[in-house]
Each structure stands twice: as C-alpha cells, then as structure tokens.
Amino acid sequence: MSVAVLAPNLLLVRFPPRQPLPRISVPWPIGVAERAGQALCLVVPAVTEPGAMRWGWGAAVAASVVAYWMLWGRYLVTGRRAHALYAPVWHVPVPMALLPVAAFLATGLWLDDLWVVVAAMVLAAGHIPVAVLTARTWDRA
C-alpha cells in the first residue's frame, strides 16, 4: 500500500511542474505532522501485523488508490500544471491530499490494524492543512 500511494510522487522528479510550486509558510506543528505522517504511512504498514481482514474495506482501498492514480494522470495530461496537484474535483477540495489519507485509513480498517489508522490520522493532521494552504495561494492569485 505504501508503494502504491507514495510511488506516484516520484513522477515529480521525472516530470516536475512547468510552473514552480508556491512557497507557503506552514506552522511547524503542521509541518512536523505532515512529515511524521508520511514516514509512518511508509513504515507502519510494513512492520505491523494485520488483524482479521474486513473484506468490505478492500473496495474502499482500491477506489482510493485508483482515483489517486487518475489524478496523477490528470496532472500529466494537463501539461504538468502545478495547480493540477491541488485543484478540486467535483467540489472536493485538495483531492490529491484527501485520497492518500483515505487509502491509508481504509487500509488500516481493512487489515484491522489500529497502527495504520493512527498513521493515517497523523498524515491527515499535516498533509491536508498543508495542501489547503497551498491551494489557497492559487485562489488569491
């Protein structure tokens, strides 16, 4: 799961945005939560043992990951516009921040793994506010 969600970010290395990403000021607790959540979501699923699988959550995991990949496709197809990384879809703000959180949260519920759920919540506490702050820079422009 960690690779499925985090690997598409490597596209930014090979296919960086054509415009620079805006520089924003992030309060340090939010910045720490974002980085800690990213690290936890990379490591925790690999080192914890799942409980009894709750198969109904598997569909939520798959839907979240596929939708996230589709948004990466949108980024590439629209000419690598930096704004595409933060633009809403169907009135859902910052879907590229919400979907990874949803994928990890659903994974924790699917695997009955409280630690993955906690990692997803830490990610949510940092990643979503940072994305909202970044998205707002385009709203003001």
Protein backbone atom coordinates (compact mmCIF):
# COMPACT_ATOMS: atom_id res chain seq x y z
CA MET A 1 0.00 0.00 0.00
CA SER A 2 2.77 2.41 0.87
CA VAL A 3 4.39 1.95 -2.52
CA ALA A 4 1.06 2.22 -4.37
CA VAL A 5 0.33 5.59 -2.77
CA LEU A 6 3.78 7.11 -2.39
CA ALA A 7 5.47 5.94 -5.62
CA PRO A 8 3.47 8.24 -7.93
CA ASN A 9 5.10 11.16 -6.14
CA LEU A 10 8.31 10.14 -7.89
CA LEU A 11 6.70 11.44 -11.07
CA LEU A 12 7.60 14.90 -9.78
CA VAL A 13 11.27 14.00 -10.16
CA ARG A 14 10.96 12.98 -13.82
CA PHE A 15 8.04 15.25 -14.71
CA PRO A 16 8.23 18.36 -12.50
CA PRO A 17 5.52 21.01 -12.73
CA ARG A 18 6.05 23.52 -15.51
CA GLN A 19 5.46 26.38 -13.06
CA PRO A 20 7.11 26.48 -9.67
CA LEU A 21 5.05 25.37 -6.70
CA PRO A 22 4.17 28.30 -4.47
CA ARG A 23 6.17 28.83 -1.34
CA ILE A 24 3.97 28.84 1.71
CA SER A 25 4.52 29.34 5.39
CA VAL A 26 3.44 26.25 7.31
CA PRO A 27 3.10 26.34 11.09
CA TRP A 28 5.74 23.98 12.48
CA PRO A 29 3.31 21.56 14.20
CA ILE A 30 1.53 21.00 10.89
CA GLY A 31 4.82 20.57 9.04
CA VAL A 32 6.02 18.07 11.63
CA ALA A 33 2.71 16.18 11.46
CA GLU A 34 2.91 16.00 7.66
CA ARG A 35 6.46 14.60 7.61
CA ALA A 36 5.77 12.25 10.53
CA GLY A 37 2.58 11.03 8.84
CA GLN A 38 4.42 10.40 5.57
CA ALA A 39 7.13 8.44 7.37
CA LEU A 40 4.60 6.50 9.44
CA CYS A 41 2.49 5.62 6.39
CA LEU A 42 5.60 4.33 4.66
CA VAL A 43 6.85 2.22 7.56
CA VAL A 44 3.90 1.19 9.73
CA PRO A 45 2.04 -0.96 7.17
CA ALA A 46 5.25 -2.87 6.50
CA VAL A 47 6.15 -3.56 10.13
CA THR A 48 2.82 -4.23 11.81
CA GLU A 49 0.86 -7.42 11.75
CA PRO A 50 -2.70 -7.22 10.44
CA GLY A 51 -5.67 -8.50 12.37
CA ALA A 52 -8.71 -10.22 10.91
CA MET A 53 -9.29 -8.82 7.44
CA ARG A 54 -12.51 -6.88 6.93
CA TRP A 55 -13.03 -7.51 3.24
CA GLY A 56 -15.58 -4.76 2.74
CA TRP A 57 -12.86 -2.14 3.19
CA GLY A 58 -10.82 -3.59 0.32
CA ALA A 59 -13.09 -1.86 -2.19
CA ALA A 60 -12.51 1.49 -0.45
CA VAL A 61 -8.76 0.93 -0.60
CA ALA A 62 -8.89 0.10 -4.32
CA ALA A 63 -11.18 3.02 -5.13
CA SER A 64 -8.97 5.48 -3.25
CA VAL A 65 -5.79 4.29 -4.93
CA VAL A 66 -7.29 4.20 -8.43
CA ALA A 67 -8.80 7.67 -8.02
CA TYR A 68 -5.43 8.95 -6.77
CA TRP A 69 -3.62 7.48 -9.76
CA MET A 70 -6.21 9.07 -12.05
CA LEU A 71 -5.45 12.46 -10.53
CA TRP A 72 -1.77 11.91 -11.25
CA GLY A 73 -2.87 11.17 -14.82
CA ARG A 74 -4.77 14.48 -14.83
CA TYR A 75 -1.57 16.24 -13.77
CA LEU A 76 0.37 14.69 -16.66
CA VAL A 77 -2.38 15.10 -19.29
CA THR A 78 -2.99 18.75 -18.42
CA GLY A 79 0.62 19.62 -19.16
CA ARG A 80 2.09 19.21 -15.68
CA ARG A 81 0.38 22.31 -14.32
CA ALA A 82 1.31 22.75 -10.67
CA HIS A 83 -2.24 23.85 -9.94
CA ALA A 84 -3.50 20.41 -11.04
CA LEU A 85 -1.86 18.93 -7.94
CA TYR A 86 -4.19 20.97 -5.71
CA ALA A 87 -7.26 21.64 -7.86
CA PRO A 88 -10.65 20.42 -6.64
CA VAL A 89 -12.60 17.65 -8.33
CA TRP A 90 -16.41 17.66 -8.17
CA HIS A 91 -16.26 20.35 -5.47
CA VAL A 92 -13.96 18.19 -3.33
CA PRO A 93 -11.05 20.38 -2.23
CA VAL A 94 -7.48 19.07 -2.44
CA PRO A 95 -8.37 15.53 -3.53
CA MET A 96 -4.70 14.65 -4.01
CA ALA A 97 -4.24 15.18 -0.27
CA LEU A 98 -7.51 13.55 0.79
CA LEU A 99 -7.17 10.36 -1.26
CA PRO A 100 -3.86 9.13 0.22
CA VAL A 101 -5.29 9.67 3.70
CA ALA A 102 -8.44 7.80 2.68
CA ALA A 103 -6.36 4.96 1.21
CA PHE A 104 -4.28 4.51 4.36
CA LEU A 105 -7.28 4.87 6.65
CA ALA A 106 -9.21 2.28 4.63
CA THR A 107 -6.14 0.03 4.65
CA GLY A 108 -5.98 0.18 8.43
CA LEU A 109 -9.66 -0.66 8.67
CA TRP A 110 -9.35 -3.40 6.02
CA LEU A 111 -6.44 -5.03 7.85
CA ASP A 112 -7.89 -4.31 11.31
CA ASP A 113 -4.61 -2.57 12.12
CA LEU A 114 -5.00 0.28 14.59
CA TRP A 115 -1.42 1.45 13.98
CA VAL A 116 -2.10 2.06 10.29
CA VAL A 117 -5.24 4.01 11.24
CA VAL A 118 -3.16 6.13 13.64
CA ALA A 119 -0.53 6.71 10.93
CA ALA A 120 -3.30 7.84 8.55
CA MET A 121 -4.65 10.25 11.15
CA VAL A 122 -1.21 11.77 11.70
CA LEU A 123 -0.87 12.13 7.94
CA ALA A 124 -4.30 13.78 7.79
CA ALA A 125 -3.35 16.25 10.53
CA GLY A 126 -0.43 17.54 8.48
CA HIS A 127 -0.93 16.73 4.80
CA ILE A 128 -4.46 18.09 4.39
CA PRO A 129 -3.81 21.50 6.02
CA VAL A 130 -0.59 21.95 4.00
CA ALA A 131 -2.49 21.17 0.80
CA VAL A 132 -5.29 23.57 1.72
CA LEU A 133 -2.79 26.34 2.45
CA THR A 134 -1.10 25.69 -0.88
CA ALA A 135 -4.40 25.59 -2.79
CA ARG A 136 -5.41 28.91 -1.27
CA THR A 137 -2.35 30.58 -2.81
CA TRP A 138 -3.92 29.98 -6.24
CA ASP A 139 -7.30 31.23 -5.06
CA ARG A 140 -5.68 34.56 -4.16
CA ALA A 141 -3.77 34.84 -7.45
